[in-house]
Amino acid sequence: INAEYMGHFLSVYFFSVMTALLYPFGHFLTEGKRYSARETCFTTKSSFFKCLDRNNNDPDNCEVEAKSYTKDCTPGYQRYFNEQRWKELERTGLVEQRSIKNASSHYEGKAAEPQRT
């Protein structure tokens, strides 16, 4: 067995052993960061949506909150929160049902696209 192969074998073996030892603790090592990121996202989402409530759902008046919201929340969270908010606005009658094609476009300050039927 040559030295290069032995070095590669030892590095793979070491990585495998360390992974096996640390795997059960991975949740504890990473959960704190994920929790704080989610908490920050939920806080900025709440402040942005409260601003929209105060300003009759006009995102142009909530630019600071919108920037924080897009910075702190992943696109998946943003899409989910925007769709849930839009469904709630439709349910309460504050907007017409299916009045725009993409709920997220409303909160990003883009012009709403009419729903094609």
PDB file of N, CA and C in Angstrom:
ATOM      1  N   ILE A   1       0.869  -1.184   0.000  1.00  0.00           N
ATOM      2  CA  ILE A   1       0.000   0.000   0.000  1.00  0.00           C
ATOM      3  C   ILE A   1       0.902   1.228   0.000  1.00  0.00           C
ATOM      4  N   ASN A   2       0.637   2.135  -0.920  1.00  0.00           N
ATOM      5  CA  ASN A   2       1.483   3.320  -0.993  1.00  0.00           C
ATOM      6  C   ASN A   2       1.034   4.375   0.033  1.00  0.00           C
ATOM      7  N   ALA A   3       1.866   5.355   0.266  1.00  0.00           N
ATOM      8  CA  ALA A   3       1.632   6.360   1.312  1.00  0.00           C
ATOM      9  C   ALA A   3       0.443   7.258   0.968  1.00  0.00           C
ATOM     10  N   GLU A   4       0.266   7.581  -0.308  1.00  0.00           N
ATOM     11  CA  GLU A   4      -0.839   8.461  -0.706  1.00  0.00           C
ATOM     12  C   GLU A   4      -2.186   7.795  -0.414  1.00  0.00           C
ATOM     13  N   TYR A   5      -2.280   6.513  -0.772  1.00  0.00           N
ATOM     14  CA  TYR A   5      -3.522   5.786  -0.498  1.00  0.00           C
ATOM     15  C   TYR A   5      -3.770   5.692   1.000  1.00  0.00           C
ATOM     16  N   MET A   6      -2.732   5.434   1.785  1.00  0.00           N
ATOM     17  CA  MET A   6      -2.883   5.311   3.225  1.00  0.00           C
ATOM     18  C   MET A   6      -3.327   6.637   3.846  1.00  0.00           C
ATOM     19  N   GLY A   7      -2.788   7.738   3.334  1.00  0.00           N
ATOM     20  CA  GLY A   7      -3.193   9.061   3.835  1.00  0.00           C
ATOM     21  C   GLY A   7      -4.664   9.327   3.550  1.00  0.00           C
ATOM     22  N   HIS A   8      -5.091   8.996   2.354  1.00  0.00           N
ATOM     23  CA  HIS A   8      -6.500   9.185   1.988  1.00  0.00           C
ATOM     24  C   HIS A   8      -7.394   8.294   2.845  1.00  0.00           C
ATOM     25  N   PHE A   9      -6.974   7.044   3.016  1.00  0.00           N
ATOM     26  CA  PHE A   9      -7.746   6.110   3.831  1.00  0.00           C
ATOM     27  C   PHE A   9      -7.897   6.617   5.259  1.00  0.00           C
ATOM     28  N   LEU A  10      -6.808   7.115   5.845  1.00  0.00           N
ATOM     29  CA  LEU A  10      -6.850   7.615   7.223  1.00  0.00           C
ATOM     30  C   LEU A  10      -7.735   8.846   7.355  1.00  0.00           C
ATOM     31  N   SER A  11      -7.691   9.746   6.364  1.00  0.00           N
ATOM     32  CA  SER A  11      -8.531  10.939   6.440  1.00  0.00           C
ATOM     33  C   SER A  11     -10.005  10.568   6.325  1.00  0.00           C
ATOM     34  N   VAL A  12     -10.350   9.647   5.446  1.00  0.00           N
ATOM     35  CA  VAL A  12     -11.737   9.197   5.311  1.00  0.00           C
ATOM     36  C   VAL A  12     -12.172   8.480   6.583  1.00  0.00           C
ATOM     37  N   TYR A  13     -11.291   7.638   7.113  1.00  0.00           N
ATOM     38  CA  TYR A  13     -11.599   6.907   8.343  1.00  0.00           C
ATOM     39  C   TYR A  13     -11.812   7.881   9.497  1.00  0.00           C
ATOM     40  N   PHE A  14     -10.929   8.880   9.625  1.00  0.00           N
ATOM     41  CA  PHE A  14     -11.052   9.874  10.693  1.00  0.00           C
ATOM     42  C   PHE A  14     -12.367  10.639  10.565  1.00  0.00           C
ATOM     43  N   PHE A  15     -12.694  11.062   9.350  1.00  0.00           N
ATOM     44  CA  PHE A  15     -13.941  11.786   9.132  1.00  0.00           C
ATOM     45  C   PHE A  15     -15.151  10.922   9.495  1.00  0.00           C
ATOM     46  N   SER A  16     -15.116   9.657   9.123  1.00  0.00           N
ATOM     47  CA  SER A  16     -16.220   8.752   9.428  1.00  0.00           C
ATOM     48  C   SER A  16     -16.382   8.560  10.924  1.00  0.00           C
ATOM     49  N   VAL A  17     -15.284   8.397  11.628  1.00  0.00           N
ATOM     50  CA  VAL A  17     -15.342   8.212  13.082  1.00  0.00           C
ATOM     51  C   VAL A  17     -15.868   9.474  13.753  1.00  0.00           C
ATOM     52  N   MET A  18     -15.361  10.628  13.357  1.00  0.00           N
ATOM     53  CA  MET A  18     -15.819  11.886  13.966  1.00  0.00           C
ATOM     54  C   MET A  18     -17.297  12.133  13.675  1.00  0.00           C
ATOM     55  N   THR A  19     -17.725  11.823  12.468  1.00  0.00           N
ATOM     56  CA  THR A  19     -19.140  11.970  12.125  1.00  0.00           C
ATOM     57  C   THR A  19     -19.996  11.064  12.991  1.00  0.00           C
ATOM     58  N   ALA A  20     -19.564   9.836  13.172  1.00  0.00           N
ATOM     59  CA  ALA A  20     -20.321   8.895  13.999  1.00  0.00           C
ATOM     60  C   ALA A  20     -20.380   9.343  15.452  1.00  0.00           C
ATOM     61  N   LEU A  21     -19.306   9.943  15.926  1.00  0.00           N
ATOM     62  CA  LEU A  21     -19.281  10.403  17.317  1.00  0.00           C
ATOM     63  C   LEU A  21     -20.112  11.657  17.539  1.00  0.00           C
ATOM     64  N   LEU A  22     -20.077  12.570  16.578  1.00  0.00           N
ATOM     65  CA  LEU A  22     -20.750  13.856  16.752  1.00  0.00           C
ATOM     66  C   LEU A  22     -22.184  13.880  16.234  1.00  0.00           C
ATOM     67  N   TYR A  23     -22.584  12.930  15.398  1.00  0.00           N
ATOM     68  CA  TYR A  23     -23.916  12.944  14.809  1.00  0.00           C
ATOM     69  C   TYR A  23     -25.034  13.058  15.833  1.00  0.00           C
ATOM     70  N   PRO A  24     -25.001  12.309  16.938  1.00  0.00           N
ATOM     71  CA  PRO A  24     -26.107  12.430  17.902  1.00  0.00           C
ATOM     72  C   PRO A  24     -26.217  13.805  18.543  1.00  0.00           C
ATOM     73  N   PHE A  25     -25.122  14.583  18.501  1.00  0.00           N
ATOM     74  CA  PHE A  25     -25.112  15.892  19.145  1.00  0.00           C
ATOM     75  C   PHE A  25     -25.285  17.032  18.143  1.00  0.00           C
ATOM     76  N   GLY A  26     -25.429  16.717  16.877  1.00  0.00           N
ATOM     77  CA  GLY A  26     -25.546  17.749  15.855  1.00  0.00           C
ATOM     78  C   GLY A  26     -26.712  18.684  16.083  1.00  0.00           C
ATOM     79  N   HIS A  27     -27.826  18.155  16.537  1.00  0.00           N
ATOM     80  CA  HIS A  27     -28.999  18.974  16.808  1.00  0.00           C
ATOM     81  C   HIS A  27     -28.685  20.036  17.850  1.00  0.00           C
ATOM     82  N   PHE A  28     -27.977  19.654  18.895  1.00  0.00           N
ATOM     83  CA  PHE A  28     -27.654  20.596  19.962  1.00  0.00           C
ATOM     84  C   PHE A  28     -26.632  21.627  19.519  1.00  0.00           C
ATOM     85  N   LEU A  29     -25.776  21.244  18.583  1.00  0.00           N
ATOM     86  CA  LEU A  29     -24.738  22.151  18.117  1.00  0.00           C
ATOM     87  C   LEU A  29     -25.272  23.214  17.164  1.00  0.00           C
ATOM     88  N   THR A  30     -26.352  22.912  16.444  1.00  0.00           N
ATOM     89  CA  THR A  30     -26.856  23.856  15.430  1.00  0.00           C
ATOM     90  C   THR A  30     -28.208  24.474  15.767  1.00  0.00           C
ATOM     91  N   GLU A  31     -28.973  23.902  16.663  1.00  0.00           N
ATOM     92  CA  GLU A  31     -30.338  24.368  16.893  1.00  0.00           C
ATOM     93  C   GLU A  31     -30.386  25.804  17.408  1.00  0.00           C
ATOM     94  N   GLY A  32     -29.438  26.217  18.206  1.00  0.00           N
ATOM     95  CA  GLY A  32     -29.451  27.586  18.741  1.00  0.00           C
ATOM     96  C   GLY A  32     -29.415  28.626  17.650  1.00  0.00           C
ATOM     97  N   LYS A  33     -28.577  28.422  16.634  1.00  0.00           N
ATOM     98  CA  LYS A  33     -28.487  29.378  15.525  1.00  0.00           C
ATOM     99  C   LYS A  33     -29.770  29.384  14.713  1.00  0.00           C
ATOM    100  N   ARG A  34     -30.308  28.195  14.438  1.00  0.00           N
ATOM    101  CA  ARG A  34     -31.542  28.134  13.652  1.00  0.00           C
ATOM    102  C   ARG A  34     -32.693  28.773  14.408  1.00  0.00           C
ATOM    103  N   TYR A  35     -32.761  28.535  15.727  1.00  0.00           N
ATOM    104  CA  TYR A  35     -33.845  29.101  16.531  1.00  0.00           C
ATOM    105  C   TYR A  35     -33.773  30.621  16.521  1.00  0.00           C
ATOM    106  N   SER A  36     -32.594  31.174  16.701  1.00  0.00           N
ATOM    107  CA  SER A  36     -32.484  32.630  16.730  1.00  0.00           C
ATOM    108  C   SER A  36     -32.808  33.230  15.365  1.00  0.00           C
ATOM    109  N   ALA A  37     -32.446  32.538  14.269  1.00  0.00           N
ATOM    110  CA  ALA A  37     -32.778  33.037  12.927  1.00  0.00           C
ATOM    111  C   ALA A  37     -34.286  33.012  12.707  1.00  0.00           C
ATOM    112  N   ARG A  38     -34.948  31.932  13.144  1.00  0.00           N
ATOM    113  CA  ARG A  38     -36.415  31.869  13.021  1.00  0.00           C
ATOM    114  C   ARG A  38     -37.074  32.948  13.862  1.00  0.00           C
ATOM    115  N   GLU A  39     -36.588  33.137  15.075  1.00  0.00           N
ATOM    116  CA  GLU A  39     -37.169  34.138  15.961  1.00  0.00           C
ATOM    117  C   GLU A  39     -37.034  35.536  15.366  1.00  0.00           C
ATOM    118  N   THR A  40     -35.871  35.838  14.787  1.00  0.00           N
ATOM    119  CA  THR A  40     -35.664  37.125  14.128  1.00  0.00           C
ATOM    120  C   THR A  40     -36.608  37.281  12.951  1.00  0.00           C
ATOM    121  N   CYS A  41     -36.756  36.229  12.164  1.00  0.00           N
ATOM    122  CA  CYS A  41     -37.659  36.267  11.010  1.00  0.00           C
ATOM    123  C   CYS A  41     -39.098  36.529  11.453  1.00  0.00           C
ATOM    124  N   PHE A  42     -39.551  35.810  12.466  1.00  0.00           N
ATOM    125  CA  PHE A  42     -40.925  35.979  12.929  1.00  0.00           C
ATOM    126  C   PHE A  42     -41.148  37.378  13.492  1.00  0.00           C
ATOM    127  N   THR A  43     -40.149  37.940  14.163  1.00  0.00           N
ATOM    128  CA  THR A  43     -40.276  39.293  14.714  1.00  0.00           C
ATOM    129  C   THR A  43     -40.375  40.329  13.607  1.00  0.00           C
ATOM    130  N   THR A  44     -39.500  40.228  12.592  1.00  0.00           N
ATOM    131  CA  THR A  44     -39.551  41.208  11.507  1.00  0.00           C
ATOM    132  C   THR A  44     -40.811  41.032  10.666  1.00  0.00           C
ATOM    133  N   LYS A  45     -41.279  39.782  10.518  1.00  0.00           N
ATOM    134  CA  LYS A  45     -42.539  39.553   9.801  1.00  0.00           C
ATOM    135  C   LYS A  45     -43.691  40.238  10.526  1.00  0.00           C
ATOM    136  N   SER A  46     -43.725  40.106  11.829  1.00  0.00           N
ATOM    137  CA  SER A  46     -44.801  40.727  12.608  1.00  0.00           C
ATOM    138  C   SER A  46     -44.762  42.241  12.506  1.00  0.00           C
ATOM    139  N   SER A  47     -43.571  42.826  12.579  1.00  0.00           N
ATOM    140  CA  SER A  47     -43.493  44.288  12.490  1.00  0.00           C
ATOM    141  C   SER A  47     -43.873  44.769  11.091  1.00  0.00           C
ATOM    142  N   PHE A  48     -43.490  44.019  10.046  1.00  0.00           N
ATOM    143  CA  PHE A  48     -43.853  44.404   8.687  1.00  0.00           C
ATOM    144  C   PHE A  48     -45.363  44.309   8.478  1.00  0.00           C
ATOM    145  N   PHE A  49     -45.974  43.242   8.914  1.00  0.00           N
ATOM    146  CA  PHE A  49     -47.411  43.084   8.720  1.00  0.00           C
ATOM    147  C   PHE A  49     -48.206  44.070   9.570  1.00  0.00           C
ATOM    148  N   LYS A  50     -47.714  44.434  10.749  1.00  0.00           N
ATOM    149  CA  LYS A  50     -48.379  45.468  11.552  1.00  0.00           C
ATOM    150  C   LYS A  50     -48.300  46.817  10.849  1.00  0.00           C
ATOM    151  N   CYS A  51     -47.152  47.087  10.226  1.00  0.00           N
ATOM    152  CA  CYS A  51     -47.018  48.319   9.453  1.00  0.00           C
ATOM    153  C   CYS A  51     -47.992  48.326   8.280  1.00  0.00           C
ATOM    154  N   LEU A  52     -48.135  47.191   7.605  1.00  0.00           N
ATOM    155  CA  LEU A  52     -49.101  47.110   6.505  1.00  0.00           C
ATOM    156  C   LEU A  52     -50.518  47.339   7.018  1.00  0.00           C
ATOM    157  N   ASP A  53     -50.840  46.802   8.179  1.00  0.00           N
ATOM    158  CA  ASP A  53     -52.172  47.013   8.752  1.00  0.00           C
ATOM    159  C   ASP A  53     -52.420  48.495   9.029  1.00  0.00           C
ATOM    160  N   ARG A  54     -51.406  49.169   9.549  1.00  0.00           N
ATOM    161  CA  ARG A  54     -51.548  50.599   9.852  1.00  0.00           C
ATOM    162  C   ARG A  54     -51.668  51.443   8.596  1.00  0.00           C
ATOM    163  N   ASN A  55     -51.059  50.988   7.493  1.00  0.00           N
ATOM    164  CA  ASN A  55     -50.995  51.786   6.273  1.00  0.00           C
ATOM    165  C   ASN A  55     -51.876  51.247   5.161  1.00  0.00           C
ATOM    166  N   ASN A  56     -52.957  50.588   5.514  1.00  0.00           N
ATOM    167  CA  ASN A  56     -53.941  50.123   4.536  1.00  0.00           C
ATOM    168  C   ASN A  56     -53.308  49.231   3.463  1.00  0.00           C
ATOM    169  N   ASN A  57     -52.393  48.330   3.896  1.00  0.00           N
ATOM    170  CA  ASN A  57     -51.741  47.353   3.016  1.00  0.00           C
ATOM    171  C   ASN A  57     -50.940  47.980   1.885  1.00  0.00           C
ATOM    172  N   ASP A  58     -50.395  49.163   2.117  1.00  0.00           N
ATOM    173  CA  ASP A  58     -49.553  49.804   1.111  1.00  0.00           C
ATOM    174  C   ASP A  58     -48.088  49.567   1.469  1.00  0.00           C
ATOM    175  N   PRO A  59     -47.391  48.693   0.742  1.00  0.00           N
ATOM    176  CA  PRO A  59     -46.003  48.379   1.094  1.00  0.00           C
ATOM    177  C   PRO A  59     -45.035  49.533   0.879  1.00  0.00           C
ATOM    178  N   ASP A  60     -45.437  50.544   0.104  1.00  0.00           N
ATOM    179  CA  ASP A  60     -44.553  51.687  -0.128  1.00  0.00           C
ATOM    180  C   ASP A  60     -44.316  52.487   1.144  1.00  0.00           C
ATOM    181  N   ASN A  61     -45.258  52.431   2.092  1.00  0.00           N
ATOM    182  CA  ASN A  61     -45.117  53.160   3.349  1.00  0.00           C
ATOM    183  C   ASN A  61     -44.362  52.362   4.401  1.00  0.00           C
ATOM    184  N   CYS A  62     -43.942  51.162   4.082  1.00  0.00           N
ATOM    185  CA  CYS A  62     -43.276  50.281   5.046  1.00  0.00           C
ATOM    186  C   CYS A  62     -41.942  49.793   4.497  1.00  0.00           C
ATOM    187  N   GLU A  63     -41.178  50.682   3.881  1.00  0.00           N
ATOM    188  CA  GLU A  63     -39.947  50.257   3.225  1.00  0.00           C
ATOM    189  C   GLU A  63     -38.910  49.713   4.205  1.00  0.00           C
ATOM    190  N   VAL A  64     -38.775  50.338   5.373  1.00  0.00           N
ATOM    191  CA  VAL A  64     -37.778  49.881   6.347  1.00  0.00           C
ATOM    192  C   VAL A  64     -38.126  48.484   6.844  1.00  0.00           C
ATOM    193  N   GLU A  65     -39.398  48.290   7.187  1.00  0.00           N
ATOM    194  CA  GLU A  65     -39.836  46.978   7.669  1.00  0.00           C
ATOM    195  C   GLU A  65     -39.729  45.924   6.569  1.00  0.00           C
ATOM    196  N   ALA A  66     -40.043  46.320   5.326  1.00  0.00           N
ATOM    197  CA  ALA A  66     -39.971  45.384   4.206  1.00  0.00           C
ATOM    198  C   ALA A  66     -38.532  44.930   3.961  1.00  0.00           C
ATOM    199  N   LYS A  67     -37.576  45.844   4.067  1.00  0.00           N
ATOM    200  CA  LYS A  67     -36.173  45.478   3.874  1.00  0.00           C
ATOM    201  C   LYS A  67     -35.723  44.514   4.969  1.00  0.00           C
ATOM    202  N   SER A  68     -36.132  44.766   6.199  1.00  0.00           N
ATOM    203  CA  SER A  68     -35.779  43.861   7.288  1.00  0.00           C
ATOM    204  C   SER A  68     -36.405  42.491   7.068  1.00  0.00           C
ATOM    205  N   TYR A  69     -37.646  42.492   6.633  1.00  0.00           N
ATOM    206  CA  TYR A  69     -38.376  41.242   6.380  1.00  0.00           C
ATOM    207  C   TYR A  69     -37.689  40.415   5.304  1.00  0.00           C
ATOM    208  N   THR A  70     -37.309  41.042   4.193  1.00  0.00           N
ATOM    209  CA  THR A  70     -36.662  40.299   3.115  1.00  0.00           C
ATOM    210  C   THR A  70     -35.243  39.888   3.480  1.00  0.00           C
ATOM    211  N   LYS A  71     -34.587  40.647   4.356  1.00  0.00           N
ATOM    212  CA  LYS A  71     -33.228  40.301   4.776  1.00  0.00           C
ATOM    213  C   LYS A  71     -33.229  39.158   5.791  1.00  0.00           C
ATOM    214  N   ASP A  72     -34.167  39.172   6.724  1.00  0.00           N
ATOM    215  CA  ASP A  72     -34.152  38.223   7.837  1.00  0.00           C
ATOM    216  C   ASP A  72     -34.884  36.920   7.561  1.00  0.00           C
ATOM    217  N   CYS A  73     -35.766  36.887   6.584  1.00  0.00           N
ATOM    218  CA  CYS A  73     -36.552  35.676   6.304  1.00  0.00           C
ATOM    219  C   CYS A  73     -36.129  35.065   4.976  1.00  0.00           C
ATOM    220  N   THR A  74     -36.074  33.755   4.935  1.00  0.00           N
ATOM    221  CA  THR A  74     -35.734  33.068   3.697  1.00  0.00           C
ATOM    222  C   THR A  74     -36.886  33.237   2.698  1.00  0.00           C
ATOM    223  N   PRO A  75     -36.621  33.089   1.409  1.00  0.00           N
ATOM    224  CA  PRO A  75     -37.700  33.220   0.422  1.00  0.00           C
ATOM    225  C   PRO A  75     -38.861  32.251   0.665  1.00  0.00           C
ATOM    226  N   GLY A  76     -38.568  31.060   1.150  1.00  0.00           N
ATOM    227  CA  GLY A  76     -39.634  30.100   1.441  1.00  0.00           C
ATOM    228  C   GLY A  76     -40.554  30.591   2.550  1.00  0.00           C
ATOM    229  N   TYR A  77     -39.967  31.122   3.615  1.00  0.00           N
ATOM    230  CA  TYR A  77     -40.775  31.697   4.692  1.00  0.00           C
ATOM    231  C   TYR A  77     -41.585  32.888   4.180  1.00  0.00           C
ATOM    232  N   GLN A  78     -40.937  33.752   3.399  1.00  0.00           N
ATOM    233  CA  GLN A  78     -41.640  34.931   2.882  1.00  0.00           C
ATOM    234  C   GLN A  78     -42.844  34.530   2.043  1.00  0.00           C
ATOM    235  N   ARG A  79     -42.642  33.576   1.142  1.00  0.00           N
ATOM    236  CA  ARG A  79     -43.741  33.128   0.284  1.00  0.00           C
ATOM    237  C   ARG A  79     -44.884  32.571   1.129  1.00  0.00           C
ATOM    238  N   TYR A  80     -44.558  31.744   2.115  1.00  0.00           N
ATOM    239  CA  TYR A  80     -45.583  31.159   2.976  1.00  0.00           C
ATOM    240  C   TYR A  80     -46.331  32.243   3.757  1.00  0.00           C
ATOM    241  N   PHE A  81     -45.603  33.147   4.400  1.00  0.00           N
ATOM    242  CA  PHE A  81     -46.239  34.202   5.197  1.00  0.00           C
ATOM    243  C   PHE A  81     -47.098  35.114   4.322  1.00  0.00           C
ATOM    244  N   ASN A  82     -46.576  35.469   3.137  1.00  0.00           N
ATOM    245  CA  ASN A  82     -47.337  36.348   2.243  1.00  0.00           C
ATOM    246  C   ASN A  82     -48.631  35.686   1.781  1.00  0.00           C
ATOM    247  N   GLU A  83     -48.564  34.410   1.442  1.00  0.00           N
ATOM    248  CA  GLU A  83     -49.770  33.712   0.992  1.00  0.00           C
ATOM    249  C   GLU A  83     -50.782  33.575   2.123  1.00  0.00           C
ATOM    250  N   GLN A  84     -50.301  33.294   3.325  1.00  0.00           N
ATOM    251  CA  GLN A  84     -51.213  33.188   4.463  1.00  0.00           C
ATOM    252  C   GLN A  84     -51.878  34.523   4.757  1.00  0.00           C
ATOM    253  N   ARG A  85     -51.107  35.600   4.692  1.00  0.00           N
ATOM    254  CA  ARG A  85     -51.684  36.930   4.936  1.00  0.00           C
ATOM    255  C   ARG A  85     -52.721  37.264   3.860  1.00  0.00           C
ATOM    256  N   TRP A  86     -52.382  36.959   2.609  1.00  0.00           N
ATOM    257  CA  TRP A  86     -53.312  37.278   1.527  1.00  0.00           C
ATOM    258  C   TRP A  86     -54.610  36.485   1.667  1.00  0.00           C
ATOM    259  N   LYS A  87     -54.483  35.220   2.054  1.00  0.00           N
ATOM    260  CA  LYS A  87     -55.690  34.407   2.270  1.00  0.00           C
ATOM    261  C   LYS A  87     -56.545  34.994   3.387  1.00  0.00           C
ATOM    262  N   GLU A  88     -55.893  35.481   4.439  1.00  0.00           N
ATOM    263  CA  GLU A  88     -56.629  36.102   5.540  1.00  0.00           C
ATOM    264  C   GLU A  88     -57.316  37.392   5.085  1.00  0.00           C
ATOM    265  N   LEU A  89     -56.634  38.185   4.265  1.00  0.00           N
ATOM    266  CA  LEU A  89     -57.246  39.412   3.738  1.00  0.00           C
ATOM    267  C   LEU A  89     -58.432  39.084   2.837  1.00  0.00           C
ATOM    268  N   GLU A  90     -58.310  38.029   2.038  1.00  0.00           N
ATOM    269  CA  GLU A  90     -59.435  37.602   1.195  1.00  0.00           C
ATOM    270  C   GLU A  90     -60.594  37.126   2.061  1.00  0.00           C
ATOM    271  N   ARG A  91     -60.279  36.361   3.111  1.00  0.00           N
ATOM    272  CA  ARG A  91     -61.325  35.823   3.988  1.00  0.00           C
ATOM    273  C   ARG A  91     -62.087  36.931   4.701  1.00  0.00           C
ATOM    274  N   THR A  92     -61.382  37.963   5.113  1.00  0.00           N
ATOM    275  CA  THR A  92     -62.040  39.059   5.827  1.00  0.00           C
ATOM    276  C   THR A  92     -62.667  40.082   4.891  1.00  0.00           C
ATOM    277  N   GLY A  93     -62.442  39.940   3.570  1.00  0.00           N
ATOM    278  CA  GLY A  93     -63.073  40.835   2.605  1.00  0.00           C
ATOM    279  C   GLY A  93     -62.321  42.121   2.368  1.00  0.00           C
ATOM    280  N   LEU A  94     -61.082  42.223   2.836  1.00  0.00           N
ATOM    281  CA  LEU A  94     -60.310  43.446   2.626  1.00  0.00           C
ATOM    282  C   LEU A  94     -59.749  43.544   1.210  1.00  0.00           C
ATOM    283  N   VAL A  95     -59.635  42.415   0.522  1.00  0.00           N
ATOM    284  CA  VAL A  95     -59.228  42.403  -0.889  1.00  0.00           C
ATOM    285  C   VAL A  95     -60.155  41.453  -1.622  1.00  0.00           C
ATOM    286  N   GLU A  96     -60.252  41.651  -2.941  1.00  0.00           N
ATOM    287  CA  GLU A  96     -61.073  40.758  -3.744  1.00  0.00           C
ATOM    288  C   GLU A  96     -60.414  39.390  -3.822  1.00  0.00           C
ATOM    289  N   GLN A  97     -61.229  38.367  -3.871  1.00  0.00           N
ATOM    290  CA  GLN A  97     -60.663  37.033  -3.999  1.00  0.00           C
ATOM    291  C   GLN A  97     -59.978  36.906  -5.347  1.00  0.00           C
ATOM    292  N   ARG A  98     -58.807  36.303  -5.311  1.00  0.00           N
ATOM    293  CA  ARG A  98     -57.982  36.085  -6.502  1.00  0.00           C
ATOM    294  C   ARG A  98     -57.756  37.372  -7.294  1.00  0.00           C
ATOM    295  N   SER A  99     -57.547  38.460  -6.561  1.00  0.00           N
ATOM    296  CA  SER A  99     -57.370  39.729  -7.255  1.00  0.00           C
ATOM    297  C   SER A  99     -55.970  39.889  -7.841  1.00  0.00           C
ATOM    298  N   ILE A 100     -54.999  39.101  -7.381  1.00  0.00           N
ATOM    299  CA  ILE A 100     -53.683  39.119  -8.007  1.00  0.00           C
ATOM    300  C   ILE A 100     -53.208  37.697  -8.204  1.00  0.00           C
ATOM    301  N   LYS A 101     -52.292  37.535  -9.138  1.00  0.00           N
ATOM    302  CA  LYS A 101     -51.789  36.207  -9.482  1.00  0.00           C
ATOM    303  C   LYS A 101     -50.841  35.683  -8.405  1.00  0.00           C
ATOM    304  N   ASN A 102     -49.999  36.543  -7.871  1.00  0.00           N
ATOM    305  CA  ASN A 102     -48.977  36.119  -6.925  1.00  0.00           C
ATOM    306  C   ASN A 102     -49.021  37.047  -5.712  1.00  0.00           C
ATOM    307  N   ALA A 103     -49.395  36.506  -4.564  1.00  0.00           N
ATOM    308  CA  ALA A 103     -49.512  37.324  -3.360  1.00  0.00           C
ATOM    309  C   ALA A 103     -48.184  37.949  -2.983  1.00  0.00           C
ATOM    310  N   SER A 104     -47.080  37.267  -3.221  1.00  0.00           N
ATOM    311  CA  SER A 104     -45.779  37.799  -2.843  1.00  0.00           C
ATOM    312  C   SER A 104     -45.453  39.083  -3.595  1.00  0.00           C
ATOM    313  N   SER A 105     -45.938  39.219  -4.819  1.00  0.00           N
ATOM    314  CA  SER A 105     -45.626  40.426  -5.580  1.00  0.00           C
ATOM    315  C   SER A 105     -46.198  41.663  -4.915  1.00  0.00           C
ATOM    316  N   HIS A 106     -47.313  41.524  -4.225  1.00  0.00           N
ATOM    317  CA  HIS A 106     -47.910  42.665  -3.539  1.00  0.00           C
ATOM    318  C   HIS A 106     -46.964  43.187  -2.460  1.00  0.00           C
ATOM    319  N   TYR A 107     -46.357  42.296  -1.704  1.00  0.00           N
ATOM    320  CA  TYR A 107     -45.520  42.706  -0.586  1.00  0.00           C
ATOM    321  C   TYR A 107     -44.120  43.097  -1.009  1.00  0.00           C
ATOM    322  N   GLU A 108     -43.751  42.797  -2.232  1.00  0.00           N
ATOM    323  CA  GLU A 108     -42.448  43.204  -2.730  1.00  0.00           C
ATOM    324  C   GLU A 108     -42.540  44.551  -3.447  1.00  0.00           C
ATOM    325  N   GLY A 109     -43.722  45.172  -3.424  1.00  0.00           N
ATOM    326  CA  GLY A 109     -43.899  46.479  -4.025  1.00  0.00           C
ATOM    327  C   GLY A 109     -44.043  46.446  -5.530  1.00  0.00           C
ATOM    328  N   LYS A 110     -44.242  45.268  -6.105  1.00  0.00           N
ATOM    329  CA  LYS A 110     -44.416  45.164  -7.553  1.00  0.00           C
ATOM    330  C   LYS A 110     -45.884  45.388  -7.889  1.00  0.00           C
ATOM    331  N   ALA A 111     -46.107  45.773  -9.115  1.00  0.00           N
ATOM    332  CA  ALA A 111     -47.494  45.947  -9.552  1.00  0.00           C
ATOM    333  C   ALA A 111     -48.213  44.612  -9.547  1.00  0.00           C
ATOM    334  N   ALA A 112     -49.422  44.626  -9.074  1.00  0.00           N
ATOM    335  CA  ALA A 112     -50.199  43.390  -9.016  1.00  0.00           C
ATOM    336  C   ALA A 112     -50.622  42.967 -10.415  1.00  0.00           C
ATOM    337  N   GLU A 113     -50.510  41.694 -10.684  1.00  0.00           N
ATOM    338  CA  GLU A 113     -50.961  41.157 -11.960  1.00  0.00           C
ATOM    339  C   GLU A 113     -52.374  40.630 -11.794  1.00  0.00           C
ATOM    340  N   PRO A 114     -53.287  41.023 -12.674  1.00  0.00           N
ATOM    341  CA  PRO A 114     -54.651  40.480 -12.556  1.00  0.00           C
ATOM    342  C   PRO A 114     -54.661  38.985 -12.787  1.00  0.00           C
ATOM    343  N   GLN A 115     -55.543  38.320 -12.105  1.00  0.00           N
ATOM    344  CA  GLN A 115     -55.695  36.855 -12.257  1.00  0.00           C
ATOM    345  C   GLN A 115     -56.392  36.595 -13.576  1.00  0.00           C
ATOM    346  N   ARG A 116     -55.802  35.735 -14.415  1.00  0.00           N
ATOM    347  CA  ARG A 116     -56.420  35.384 -15.685  1.00  0.00           C
ATOM    348  C   ARG A 116     -57.271  34.157 -15.485  1.00  0.00           C
ATOM    349  N   THR A 117     -58.457  34.191 -15.995  1.00  0.00           N
ATOM    350  CA  THR A 117     -59.362  33.056 -15.858  1.00  0.00           C
ATOM    351  C   THR A 117     -59.599  32.390 -17.181  1.00  0.00           C
TER     352      THR A 117
END
